[in-house]
Amino acid sequence: MSESETAAILANPEALMRMAQSEAELARGEVVTGDELAAAMAERRNDETATRPAE
């Protein structure tokens, strides 16, 4: 990450809030494995494909 990217994040209150929320979730043990994340993403792609109108 570049210095300008870091500065942009530090200047963004919403980004800082989301990072704090993420850190709190990690501290509570609210995590998913890479396999769980991949499965959730695949399911989401399948759901989006199923609801997309035919061309």
PDB file of N, CA and C in Angstrom:
ATOM      1  N   MET A   1       0.852  -1.163   0.000  1.00  0.00           N
ATOM      2  CA  MET A   1       0.000   0.000   0.000  1.00  0.00           C
ATOM      3  C   MET A   1       0.902   1.232   0.000  1.00  0.00           C
ATOM      4  N   SER A   2       0.554   2.180  -0.821  1.00  0.00           N
ATOM      5  CA  SER A   2       1.368   3.385  -0.922  1.00  0.00           C
ATOM      6  C   SER A   2       1.012   4.368   0.196  1.00  0.00           C
ATOM      7  N   GLU A   3       1.873   5.352   0.366  1.00  0.00           N
ATOM      8  CA  GLU A   3       1.609   6.385   1.377  1.00  0.00           C
ATOM      9  C   GLU A   3       0.329   7.132   1.073  1.00  0.00           C
ATOM     10  N   SER A   4       0.051   7.381  -0.208  1.00  0.00           N
ATOM     11  CA  SER A   4      -1.171   8.112  -0.561  1.00  0.00           C
ATOM     12  C   SER A   4      -2.409   7.270  -0.279  1.00  0.00           C
ATOM     13  N   GLU A   5      -2.321   5.964  -0.497  1.00  0.00           N
ATOM     14  CA  GLU A   5      -3.444   5.090  -0.174  1.00  0.00           C
ATOM     15  C   GLU A   5      -3.680   5.049   1.330  1.00  0.00           C
ATOM     16  N   THR A   6      -2.605   4.966   2.091  1.00  0.00           N
ATOM     17  CA  THR A   6      -2.709   4.976   3.549  1.00  0.00           C
ATOM     18  C   THR A   6      -3.334   6.280   4.029  1.00  0.00           C
ATOM     19  N   ALA A   7      -2.880   7.393   3.489  1.00  0.00           N
ATOM     20  CA  ALA A   7      -3.422   8.695   3.875  1.00  0.00           C
ATOM     21  C   ALA A   7      -4.903   8.790   3.542  1.00  0.00           C
ATOM     22  N   ALA A   8      -5.299   8.261   2.396  1.00  0.00           N
ATOM     23  CA  ALA A   8      -6.706   8.306   1.994  1.00  0.00           C
ATOM     24  C   ALA A   8      -7.572   7.503   2.968  1.00  0.00           C
ATOM     25  N   ILE A   9      -7.084   6.351   3.390  1.00  0.00           N
ATOM     26  CA  ILE A   9      -7.835   5.535   4.348  1.00  0.00           C
ATOM     27  C   ILE A   9      -7.923   6.250   5.692  1.00  0.00           C
ATOM     28  N   LEU A  10      -6.810   6.786   6.162  1.00  0.00           N
ATOM     29  CA  LEU A  10      -6.794   7.466   7.457  1.00  0.00           C
ATOM     30  C   LEU A  10      -7.648   8.729   7.464  1.00  0.00           C
ATOM     31  N   ALA A  11      -7.904   9.307   6.308  1.00  0.00           N
ATOM     32  CA  ALA A  11      -8.732  10.500   6.207  1.00  0.00           C
ATOM     33  C   ALA A  11     -10.209  10.166   6.028  1.00  0.00           C
ATOM     34  N   ASN A  12     -10.530   8.876   5.937  1.00  0.00           N
ATOM     35  CA  ASN A  12     -11.905   8.450   5.669  1.00  0.00           C
ATOM     36  C   ASN A  12     -12.516   7.861   6.939  1.00  0.00           C
ATOM     37  N   PRO A  13     -13.405   8.617   7.615  1.00  0.00           N
ATOM     38  CA  PRO A  13     -13.988   8.122   8.867  1.00  0.00           C
ATOM     39  C   PRO A  13     -14.729   6.797   8.710  1.00  0.00           C
ATOM     40  N   GLU A  14     -15.413   6.603   7.593  1.00  0.00           N
ATOM     41  CA  GLU A  14     -16.141   5.347   7.375  1.00  0.00           C
ATOM     42  C   GLU A  14     -15.170   4.170   7.265  1.00  0.00           C
ATOM     43  N   ALA A  15     -14.067   4.371   6.564  1.00  0.00           N
ATOM     44  CA  ALA A  15     -13.069   3.302   6.434  1.00  0.00           C
ATOM     45  C   ALA A  15     -12.480   2.950   7.796  1.00  0.00           C
ATOM     46  N   LEU A  16     -12.197   3.967   8.607  1.00  0.00           N
ATOM     47  CA  LEU A  16     -11.654   3.718   9.944  1.00  0.00           C
ATOM     48  C   LEU A  16     -12.661   2.971  10.810  1.00  0.00           C
ATOM     49  N   MET A  17     -13.940   3.324  10.712  1.00  0.00           N
ATOM     50  CA  MET A  17     -14.979   2.646  11.475  1.00  0.00           C
ATOM     51  C   MET A  17     -15.076   1.177  11.061  1.00  0.00           C
ATOM     52  N   ARG A  18     -15.035   0.927   9.763  1.00  0.00           N
ATOM     53  CA  ARG A  18     -15.113  -0.454   9.278  1.00  0.00           C
ATOM     54  C   ARG A  18     -13.913  -1.265   9.722  1.00  0.00           C
ATOM     55  N   MET A  19     -12.723  -0.654   9.735  1.00  0.00           N
ATOM     56  CA  MET A  19     -11.534  -1.365  10.209  1.00  0.00           C
ATOM     57  C   MET A  19     -11.658  -1.688  11.691  1.00  0.00           C
ATOM     58  N   ALA A  20     -12.174  -0.758  12.486  1.00  0.00           N
ATOM     59  CA  ALA A  20     -12.352  -0.998  13.922  1.00  0.00           C
ATOM     60  C   ALA A  20     -13.362  -2.119  14.144  1.00  0.00           C
ATOM     61  N   GLN A  21     -14.440  -2.121  13.360  1.00  0.00           N
ATOM     62  CA  GLN A  21     -15.441  -3.194  13.467  1.00  0.00           C
ATOM     63  C   GLN A  21     -14.812  -4.539  13.116  1.00  0.00           C
ATOM     64  N   SER A  22     -14.014  -4.568  12.084  1.00  0.00           N
ATOM     65  CA  SER A  22     -13.351  -5.808  11.677  1.00  0.00           C
ATOM     66  C   SER A  22     -12.414  -6.317  12.760  1.00  0.00           C
ATOM     67  N   GLU A  23     -11.662  -5.415  13.359  1.00  0.00           N
ATOM     68  CA  GLU A  23     -10.754  -5.809  14.432  1.00  0.00           C
ATOM     69  C   GLU A  23     -11.522  -6.365  15.626  1.00  0.00           C
ATOM     70  N   ALA A  24     -12.677  -5.769  15.947  1.00  0.00           N
ATOM     71  CA  ALA A  24     -13.503  -6.255  17.055  1.00  0.00           C
ATOM     72  C   ALA A  24     -14.055  -7.648  16.740  1.00  0.00           C
ATOM     73  N   GLU A  25     -14.464  -7.863  15.491  1.00  0.00           N
ATOM     74  CA  GLU A  25     -14.958  -9.184  15.084  1.00  0.00           C
ATOM     75  C   GLU A  25     -13.859 -10.238  15.234  1.00  0.00           C
ATOM     76  N   LEU A  26     -12.655  -9.900  14.807  1.00  0.00           N
ATOM     77  CA  LEU A  26     -11.528 -10.825  14.955  1.00  0.00           C
ATOM     78  C   LEU A  26     -11.269 -11.133  16.424  1.00  0.00           C
ATOM     79  N   ALA A  27     -11.324 -10.122  17.267  1.00  0.00           N
ATOM     80  CA  ALA A  27     -11.081 -10.317  18.700  1.00  0.00           C
ATOM     81  C   ALA A  27     -12.129 -11.232  19.321  1.00  0.00           C
ATOM     82  N   ARG A  28     -13.363 -11.183  18.798  1.00  0.00           N
ATOM     83  CA  ARG A  28     -14.441 -12.051  19.301  1.00  0.00           C
ATOM     84  C   ARG A  28     -14.383 -13.440  18.679  1.00  0.00           C
ATOM     85  N   GLY A  29     -13.467 -13.648  17.740  1.00  0.00           N
ATOM     86  CA  GLY A  29     -13.351 -14.946  17.093  1.00  0.00           C
ATOM     87  C   GLY A  29     -14.322 -15.137  15.939  1.00  0.00           C
ATOM     88  N   GLU A  30     -14.902 -14.055  15.461  1.00  0.00           N
ATOM     89  CA  GLU A  30     -15.845 -14.124  14.343  1.00  0.00           C
ATOM     90  C   GLU A  30     -15.054 -14.148  13.036  1.00  0.00           C
ATOM     91  N   VAL A  31     -14.608 -15.329  12.669  1.00  0.00           N
ATOM     92  CA  VAL A  31     -13.786 -15.490  11.475  1.00  0.00           C
ATOM     93  C   VAL A  31     -14.340 -16.623  10.621  1.00  0.00           C
ATOM     94  N   VAL A  32     -13.958 -16.635   9.363  1.00  0.00           N
ATOM     95  CA  VAL A  32     -14.280 -17.744   8.462  1.00  0.00           C
ATOM     96  C   VAL A  32     -12.983 -18.214   7.822  1.00  0.00           C
ATOM     97  N   THR A  33     -12.957 -19.479   7.456  1.00  0.00           N
ATOM     98  CA  THR A  33     -11.777 -20.008   6.784  1.00  0.00           C
ATOM     99  C   THR A  33     -11.810 -19.609   5.315  1.00  0.00           C
ATOM    100  N   GLY A  34     -10.702 -19.780   4.658  1.00  0.00           N
ATOM    101  CA  GLY A  34     -10.651 -19.517   3.219  1.00  0.00           C
ATOM    102  C   GLY A  34     -11.637 -20.391   2.462  1.00  0.00           C
ATOM    103  N   ASP A  35     -11.767 -21.658   2.875  1.00  0.00           N
ATOM    104  CA  ASP A  35     -12.713 -22.564   2.220  1.00  0.00           C
ATOM    105  C   ASP A  35     -14.151 -22.100   2.428  1.00  0.00           C
ATOM    106  N   GLU A  36     -14.478 -21.634   3.642  1.00  0.00           N
ATOM    107  CA  GLU A  36     -15.834 -21.135   3.909  1.00  0.00           C
ATOM    108  C   GLU A  36     -16.128 -19.899   3.073  1.00  0.00           C
ATOM    109  N   LEU A  37     -15.153 -19.019   2.953  1.00  0.00           N
ATOM    110  CA  LEU A  37     -15.327 -17.816   2.149  1.00  0.00           C
ATOM    111  C   LEU A  37     -15.515 -18.166   0.681  1.00  0.00           C
ATOM    112  N   ALA A  38     -14.715 -19.084   0.171  1.00  0.00           N
ATOM    113  CA  ALA A  38     -14.843 -19.502  -1.230  1.00  0.00           C
ATOM    114  C   ALA A  38     -16.211 -20.111  -1.489  1.00  0.00           C
ATOM    115  N   ALA A  39     -16.713 -20.925  -0.559  1.00  0.00           N
ATOM    116  CA  ALA A  39     -18.033 -21.539  -0.726  1.00  0.00           C
ATOM    117  C   ALA A  39     -19.125 -20.477  -0.721  1.00  0.00           C
ATOM    118  N   ALA A  40     -19.021 -19.502   0.172  1.00  0.00           N
ATOM    119  CA  ALA A  40     -20.012 -18.424   0.232  1.00  0.00           C
ATOM    120  C   ALA A  40     -20.004 -17.595  -1.049  1.00  0.00           C
ATOM    121  N   MET A  41     -18.821 -17.323  -1.573  1.00  0.00           N
ATOM    122  CA  MET A  41     -18.721 -16.552  -2.814  1.00  0.00           C
ATOM    123  C   MET A  41     -19.298 -17.340  -3.989  1.00  0.00           C
ATOM    124  N   ALA A  42     -19.034 -18.633  -4.046  1.00  0.00           N
ATOM    125  CA  ALA A  42     -19.582 -19.470  -5.118  1.00  0.00           C
ATOM    126  C   ALA A  42     -21.103 -19.507  -5.036  1.00  0.00           C
ATOM    127  N   GLU A  43     -21.627 -19.627  -3.826  1.00  0.00           N
ATOM    128  CA  GLU A  43     -23.085 -19.640  -3.650  1.00  0.00           C
ATOM    129  C   GLU A  43     -23.698 -18.318  -4.099  1.00  0.00           C
ATOM    130  N   ARG A  44     -23.035 -17.227  -3.765  1.00  0.00           N
ATOM    131  CA  ARG A  44     -23.537 -15.907  -4.169  1.00  0.00           C
ATOM    132  C   ARG A  44     -23.540 -15.784  -5.692  1.00  0.00           C
ATOM    133  N   ARG A  45     -22.456 -16.240  -6.339  1.00  0.00           N
ATOM    134  CA  ARG A  45     -22.407 -16.198  -7.808  1.00  0.00           C
ATOM    135  C   ARG A  45     -23.539 -17.024  -8.400  1.00  0.00           C
ATOM    136  N   ASN A  46     -23.790 -18.200  -7.837  1.00  0.00           N
ATOM    137  CA  ASN A  46     -24.870 -19.060  -8.327  1.00  0.00           C
ATOM    138  C   ASN A  46     -26.218 -18.389  -8.153  1.00  0.00           C
ATOM    139  N   ASP A  47     -26.432 -17.741  -7.000  1.00  0.00           N
ATOM    140  CA  ASP A  47     -27.693 -17.038  -6.755  1.00  0.00           C
ATOM    141  C   ASP A  47     -27.889 -15.900  -7.750  1.00  0.00           C
ATOM    142  N   GLU A  48     -26.818 -15.157  -8.031  1.00  0.00           N
ATOM    143  CA  GLU A  48     -26.913 -14.048  -8.977  1.00  0.00           C
ATOM    144  C   GLU A  48     -27.193 -14.549 -10.380  1.00  0.00           C
ATOM    145  N   THR A  49     -26.601 -15.652 -10.757  1.00  0.00           N
ATOM    146  CA  THR A  49     -26.826 -16.230 -12.074  1.00  0.00           C
ATOM    147  C   THR A  49     -28.256 -16.716 -12.207  1.00  0.00           C
ATOM    148  N   ALA A  50     -28.785 -17.327 -11.145  1.00  0.00           N
ATOM    149  CA  ALA A  50     -30.146 -17.864 -11.176  1.00  0.00           C
ATOM    150  C   ALA A  50     -31.193 -16.762 -11.270  1.00  0.00           C
ATOM    151  N   THR A  51     -30.904 -15.585 -10.734  1.00  0.00           N
ATOM    152  CA  THR A  51     -31.898 -14.512 -10.741  1.00  0.00           C
ATOM    153  C   THR A  51     -31.729 -13.558 -11.910  1.00  0.00           C
ATOM    154  N   ARG A  52     -30.698 -13.764 -12.722  1.00  0.00           N
ATOM    155  CA  ARG A  52     -30.434 -12.913 -13.876  1.00  0.00           C
ATOM    156  C   ARG A  52     -31.363 -13.326 -15.012  1.00  0.00           C
ATOM    157  N   PRO A  53     -32.043 -12.368 -15.648  1.00  0.00           N
ATOM    158  CA  PRO A  53     -32.937 -12.715 -16.763  1.00  0.00           C
ATOM    159  C   PRO A  53     -32.150 -13.302 -17.941  1.00  0.00           C
ATOM    160  N   ALA A  54     -32.793 -14.204 -18.658  1.00  0.00           N
ATOM    161  CA  ALA A  54     -32.155 -14.813 -19.828  1.00  0.00           C
ATOM    162  C   ALA A  54     -31.998 -13.772 -20.916  1.00  0.00           C
ATOM    163  N   GLU A  55     -30.926 -13.891 -21.680  1.00  0.00           N
ATOM    164  CA  GLU A  55     -30.679 -12.936 -22.772  1.00  0.00           C
ATOM    165  C   GLU A  55     -31.323 -13.383 -24.043  1.00  0.00           C
TER     166      GLU A  55
END
